[in-house]
């Protein structure tokens, strides 16, 4: 029997929390670069009464993304996209961050937008980090939003020699994610579908715990200690917002980004997390 399909890219804790809220009675197609991770997520969902299948998929490859979508279409209509895939500044090189988080997300949104059914919706997980960078020019924003995906990495502002470090690459990728969502939401709307992004702050996941205990641990602990919430967030708190955006109660919301960071960005600009002047 054909079912509505959820494409879930990136088998992490935030994506899992989101998927569990919307997946009853639907088929979940999980794509992850690590088939082991995808199968573990599928096993956890199937053991809880959901219907999930695991596939190996590389967000940095259009061919791999198309293969995932083609496989998902065999089960029914694509109604939801949950993209929680990506790499962090401490995990990868400048080139890998731009290829996965920036280019790969652009391709995924573009390709799913070609098959999403009327009434469908998607969310992609960006980051508070995109808000920390100084504002770009309107022309730069337009280029990030509308440049064909295959030409994105050739933009002057994204050439590796113009990227300071992996954090800068990550910030550019996340800024691009938000702008791509705005532009793609217009195209998705032509099919009667919606698309939004989420920008979480520090969320407690196995990856975040590694970061807390790593060389940048002091930075992260200081950030959540000095934000208005005074603590890191949980995957479920991100999923609360995602559920609204994906389901019918969010029917008038599309092309938007939602900052979910316990006020850390507010504190960065107007509170105790403000960078000290030299």
Protein backbone atom coordinates (compact mmCIF):
# COMPACT_ATOMS: atom_id res chain seq x y z
CA UNK A 1 0.00 0.00 0.00
CA UNK A 2 1.29 3.45 -0.96
CA UNK A 3 1.98 5.83 1.91
CA UNK A 4 2.91 9.45 2.33
CA UNK A 5 6.70 9.61 2.45
CA UNK A 6 9.05 11.49 4.74
CA UNK A 7 12.56 11.99 3.42
CA UNK A 8 14.86 12.42 6.39
CA UNK A 9 18.45 13.31 5.59
CA UNK A 10 21.04 13.08 8.36
CA UNK A 11 20.27 10.52 11.06
CA UNK A 12 20.93 12.67 14.13
CA UNK A 13 19.06 13.39 17.34
CA UNK A 14 17.35 16.61 16.20
CA UNK A 15 16.03 14.96 13.06
CA UNK A 16 14.86 11.94 15.03
CA UNK A 17 12.90 14.13 17.45
CA UNK A 18 11.24 15.91 14.52
CA UNK A 19 10.40 12.77 12.59
CA UNK A 20 8.79 11.05 15.58
CA UNK A 21 6.24 13.87 15.76
CA UNK A 22 5.01 13.56 12.18
CA UNK A 23 5.66 9.96 11.13
CA UNK A 24 2.66 7.98 12.37
CA UNK A 25 1.16 6.08 9.43
CA UNK A 26 3.85 7.29 7.03
CA UNK A 27 6.94 5.77 5.45
CA UNK A 28 10.24 7.25 6.61
CA UNK A 29 13.14 7.06 4.17
CA UNK A 30 16.34 7.81 6.07
CA UNK A 31 19.45 8.91 4.22
CA UNK A 32 22.83 9.24 5.90
CA UNK A 33 26.41 9.06 4.69
CA UNK A 34 26.89 6.32 7.30
CA UNK A 35 24.61 3.40 6.56
CA UNK A 36 25.31 2.20 10.11
CA UNK A 37 23.83 5.43 11.52
CA UNK A 38 20.85 5.28 9.16
CA UNK A 39 20.12 1.68 10.13
CA UNK A 40 20.38 2.49 13.83
CA UNK A 41 17.81 5.27 13.41
CA UNK A 42 15.55 2.98 11.38
CA UNK A 43 15.80 0.24 13.99
CA UNK A 44 14.90 2.71 16.76
CA UNK A 45 11.87 3.93 14.83
CA UNK A 46 10.71 0.48 13.70
CA UNK A 47 11.07 -0.76 17.27
CA UNK A 48 8.66 1.98 18.33
CA UNK A 49 5.98 1.07 15.77
CA UNK A 50 7.00 3.37 12.90
CA UNK A 51 7.82 2.31 9.35
CA UNK A 52 11.36 3.27 8.34
CA UNK A 53 13.97 2.19 5.83
CA UNK A 54 17.66 3.12 5.82
CA UNK A 55 19.71 4.15 2.80
CA UNK A 56 23.26 5.35 2.32
CA UNK A 57 23.18 8.91 0.97
CA UNK A 58 25.77 11.63 0.62
CA UNK A 59 24.45 15.18 0.91
CA UNK A 60 27.44 16.53 -1.02
CA UNK A 61 26.52 14.50 -4.14
CA UNK A 62 23.64 15.38 -6.46
CA UNK A 63 23.74 11.84 -7.84
CA UNK A 64 23.34 10.40 -4.35
CA UNK A 65 20.49 12.80 -3.53
CA UNK A 66 18.67 11.90 -6.75
CA UNK A 67 19.10 8.20 -5.98
CA UNK A 68 17.58 8.69 -2.52
CA UNK A 69 14.62 10.61 -3.94
CA UNK A 70 14.07 7.99 -6.65
CA UNK A 71 14.02 5.23 -4.04
CA UNK A 72 11.65 7.18 -1.81
CA UNK A 73 9.21 7.73 -4.69
CA UNK A 74 8.80 3.95 -5.02
CA UNK A 75 6.93 3.92 -1.70
CA UNK A 76 4.46 6.73 -2.40
CA UNK A 77 4.19 10.51 -2.56
CA UNK A 78 6.87 12.73 -1.00
CA UNK A 79 5.00 14.81 1.55
CA UNK A 80 7.70 15.86 4.02
CA UNK A 81 11.39 16.72 3.98
CA UNK A 82 13.41 16.83 7.19
CA UNK A 83 17.02 17.79 6.51
CA UNK A 84 19.21 17.59 9.59
CA UNK A 85 22.43 16.58 7.82
CA UNK A 86 25.65 18.54 7.96
CA UNK A 87 29.13 18.87 9.41
CA UNK A 88 30.39 21.28 12.07
CA UNK A 89 33.43 23.60 12.11
CA UNK A 90 35.36 21.18 14.29
CA UNK A 91 34.55 18.16 12.14
CA UNK A 92 35.64 19.11 8.65
CA UNK A 93 37.70 21.30 6.34
CA UNK A 94 36.55 24.54 4.74
CA UNK A 95 36.00 22.75 1.43
CA UNK A 96 33.95 19.94 3.01
CA UNK A 97 31.75 22.32 4.99
CA UNK A 98 30.95 24.32 1.86
CA UNK A 99 30.34 21.18 -0.23
CA UNK A 100 28.08 19.50 2.34
CA UNK A 101 26.32 22.21 4.34
CA UNK A 102 26.02 24.80 1.56
CA UNK A 103 26.02 23.10 -1.84
CA UNK A 104 24.41 19.86 -0.66
CA UNK A 105 21.56 21.60 1.12
CA UNK A 106 20.90 23.75 -1.95
CA UNK A 107 20.70 20.66 -4.17
CA UNK A 108 18.46 18.77 -1.75
CA UNK A 109 15.96 21.63 -1.47
CA UNK A 110 15.96 22.05 -5.24
CA UNK A 111 15.45 18.38 -6.06
CA UNK A 112 12.84 17.61 -3.40
CA UNK A 113 11.01 20.74 -4.52
CA UNK A 114 10.51 19.11 -7.92
CA UNK A 115 8.59 16.15 -6.45
CA UNK A 116 6.96 17.40 -3.24
CA UNK A 117 3.18 16.96 -3.38
CA UNK A 118 0.60 19.69 -2.90
CA UNK A 119 0.11 20.19 0.82
CA UNK A 120 3.62 18.98 1.52
CA UNK A 121 6.19 20.76 3.64
CA UNK A 122 9.84 20.71 4.58
CA UNK A 123 12.29 21.96 7.17
CA UNK A 124 16.04 22.20 6.96
CA UNK A 125 18.18 22.62 10.05
CA UNK A 126 20.49 25.62 9.81
CA UNK A 127 22.23 27.24 12.80
CA UNK A 128 22.38 30.30 15.00
CA UNK A 129 25.91 30.68 13.63
CA UNK A 130 24.58 32.33 10.48
CA UNK A 131 23.30 35.21 12.60
CA UNK A 132 26.74 35.99 14.05
CA UNK A 133 28.25 37.14 10.80
CA UNK A 134 28.02 40.81 9.76
CA UNK A 135 25.26 41.54 7.26
CA UNK A 136 26.10 40.84 3.64
CA UNK A 137 25.20 43.19 0.82
CA UNK A 138 21.79 42.72 -0.84
CA UNK A 139 23.61 41.54 -3.96
CA UNK A 140 25.58 38.93 -1.99
CA UNK A 141 22.37 37.68 -0.37
CA UNK A 142 20.71 37.47 -3.77
CA UNK A 143 23.60 35.45 -5.16
CA UNK A 144 23.45 33.01 -2.24
CA UNK A 145 19.69 32.65 -2.71
CA UNK A 146 19.44 32.29 -6.48
CA UNK A 147 22.73 31.17 -8.03
CA UNK A 148 22.26 27.74 -9.66
CA UNK A 149 23.48 25.13 -7.19
CA UNK A 150 26.20 23.86 -9.52
CA UNK A 151 27.66 27.38 -9.71
CA UNK A 152 27.47 28.26 -6.02
CA UNK A 153 30.95 27.19 -5.01
CA UNK A 154 32.44 29.26 -7.82
CA UNK A 155 31.13 32.50 -6.30
CA UNK A 156 33.97 34.83 -5.36
CA UNK A 157 32.79 35.10 -1.75
CA UNK A 158 32.85 31.30 -1.37
CA UNK A 159 36.24 30.62 -2.87
CA UNK A 160 38.43 28.94 -0.19
CA UNK A 161 41.00 31.74 -0.28
CA UNK A 162 38.25 34.17 0.76
CA UNK A 163 37.11 32.04 3.69
CA UNK A 164 39.07 32.75 6.90
CA UNK A 165 38.59 29.44 8.70
CA UNK A 166 36.12 26.60 9.22
CA UNK A 167 33.87 28.73 11.45
CA UNK A 168 33.60 31.36 8.71
CA UNK A 169 32.80 28.61 6.20
CA UNK A 170 30.08 27.29 8.51
CA UNK A 171 28.61 30.76 9.00
CA UNK A 172 28.52 31.34 5.24
CA UNK A 173 26.89 27.96 4.70
CA UNK A 174 24.19 28.66 7.25
CA UNK A 175 23.55 32.15 5.89
CA UNK A 176 23.19 30.55 2.47
CA UNK A 177 20.78 27.93 3.85
CA UNK A 178 18.41 30.62 5.09
CA UNK A 179 18.54 32.54 1.80
CA UNK A 180 18.05 29.36 -0.26
CA UNK A 181 14.99 28.48 1.80
CA UNK A 182 13.47 31.86 0.98
CA UNK A 183 14.08 31.44 -2.75
CA UNK A 184 13.08 27.77 -2.89
CA UNK A 185 9.91 28.46 -0.88
CA UNK A 186 8.68 30.49 -3.84
CA UNK A 187 9.19 27.51 -6.15
CA UNK A 188 7.71 25.07 -3.63
CA UNK A 189 4.69 27.35 -3.40
CA UNK A 190 4.00 26.79 -7.09
CA UNK A 191 3.39 23.14 -6.17
CA UNK A 192 1.24 24.07 -3.16
CA UNK A 193 4.00 23.13 -0.70
CA UNK A 194 5.87 25.01 2.04
CA UNK A 195 9.51 25.21 3.15
CA UNK A 196 11.13 26.73 6.24
CA UNK A 197 14.38 26.54 8.16
CA UNK A 198 15.35 26.22 11.81
CA UNK A 199 18.43 27.84 13.37
CA UNK A 200 19.14 26.06 16.66
CA UNK A 201 21.67 27.21 19.20
CA UNK A 202 23.49 24.78 21.48
CA UNK A 203 21.37 21.63 21.61
CA UNK A 204 22.34 18.66 23.77
CA UNK A 205 23.13 15.76 21.45
CA UNK A 206 25.98 13.22 21.45
CA UNK A 207 27.87 15.51 19.06
CA UNK A 208 27.36 18.52 21.34
CA UNK A 209 28.56 16.56 24.35
CA UNK A 210 31.75 15.80 22.44
CA UNK A 211 32.11 19.52 21.77
CA UNK A 212 31.52 20.37 25.45
CA UNK A 213 34.39 18.04 26.37
CA UNK A 214 36.64 19.14 23.51
CA UNK A 215 39.01 22.07 22.93
CA UNK A 216 36.09 24.48 22.31
CA UNK A 217 34.19 23.30 25.39
CA UNK A 218 34.82 26.49 27.34
CA UNK A 219 33.39 28.59 24.50
CA UNK A 220 30.19 26.54 24.34
CA UNK A 221 29.70 26.39 28.10
CA UNK A 222 30.17 30.16 28.34
CA UNK A 223 27.65 30.70 25.55
CA UNK A 224 24.79 28.85 27.14
CA UNK A 225 25.64 30.02 30.65
CA UNK A 226 25.36 33.66 29.55
CA UNK A 227 22.31 33.39 27.34
CA UNK A 228 18.91 34.39 28.79
CA UNK A 229 17.80 30.76 29.07
CA UNK A 230 20.95 29.93 31.03
CA UNK A 231 21.18 26.42 29.60
CA UNK A 232 21.53 24.48 26.35
CA UNK A 233 18.42 23.31 24.55
CA UNK A 234 17.09 19.85 23.78
CA UNK A 235 16.26 18.19 20.49
CA UNK A 236 12.61 18.04 21.55
CA UNK A 237 12.47 21.81 21.95
CA UNK A 238 13.59 22.20 18.34
CA UNK A 239 11.09 19.55 17.27
CA UNK A 240 8.20 21.47 18.89
CA UNK A 241 8.79 24.29 16.40
CA UNK A 242 9.41 21.94 13.49
CA UNK A 243 6.12 20.16 14.11
CA UNK A 244 4.24 23.47 13.86
CA UNK A 245 6.01 24.31 10.61
CA UNK A 246 5.47 20.91 9.02
CA UNK A 247 1.83 20.40 9.95
CA UNK A 248 -1.36 22.25 8.98
CA UNK A 249 -1.23 24.67 11.92
CA UNK A 250 1.74 26.26 10.16
CA UNK A 251 -0.09 26.59 6.84
CA UNK A 252 0.62 30.35 6.56
CA UNK A 253 4.33 29.99 7.33
CA UNK A 254 6.78 29.49 4.50
CA UNK A 255 10.12 30.92 3.42
CA UNK A 256 11.00 31.71 7.03
CA UNK A 257 13.79 30.93 9.47
CA UNK A 258 13.24 30.35 13.20
CA UNK A 259 16.04 31.08 15.66
CA UNK A 260 15.89 28.63 18.59
CA UNK A 261 18.91 29.45 20.73
CA UNK A 262 17.75 30.37 24.24
CA UNK A 263 18.53 34.01 23.48
CA UNK A 264 22.25 33.44 22.79
CA UNK A 265 22.18 35.59 19.66
CA UNK A 266 20.40 38.37 21.55
CA UNK A 267 23.08 38.16 24.23
CA UNK A 268 25.80 38.21 21.57
CA UNK A 269 24.59 41.55 20.21
CA UNK A 270 23.12 43.19 23.31
CA UNK A 271 24.24 41.27 26.40
CA UNK A 272 27.19 39.64 28.14
CA UNK A 273 28.20 37.59 25.11
CA UNK A 274 29.11 40.72 23.11
CA UNK A 275 32.63 40.39 21.68
CA UNK A 276 35.10 42.60 23.52
CA UNK A 277 36.44 45.54 21.54
CA UNK A 278 40.14 45.50 20.84
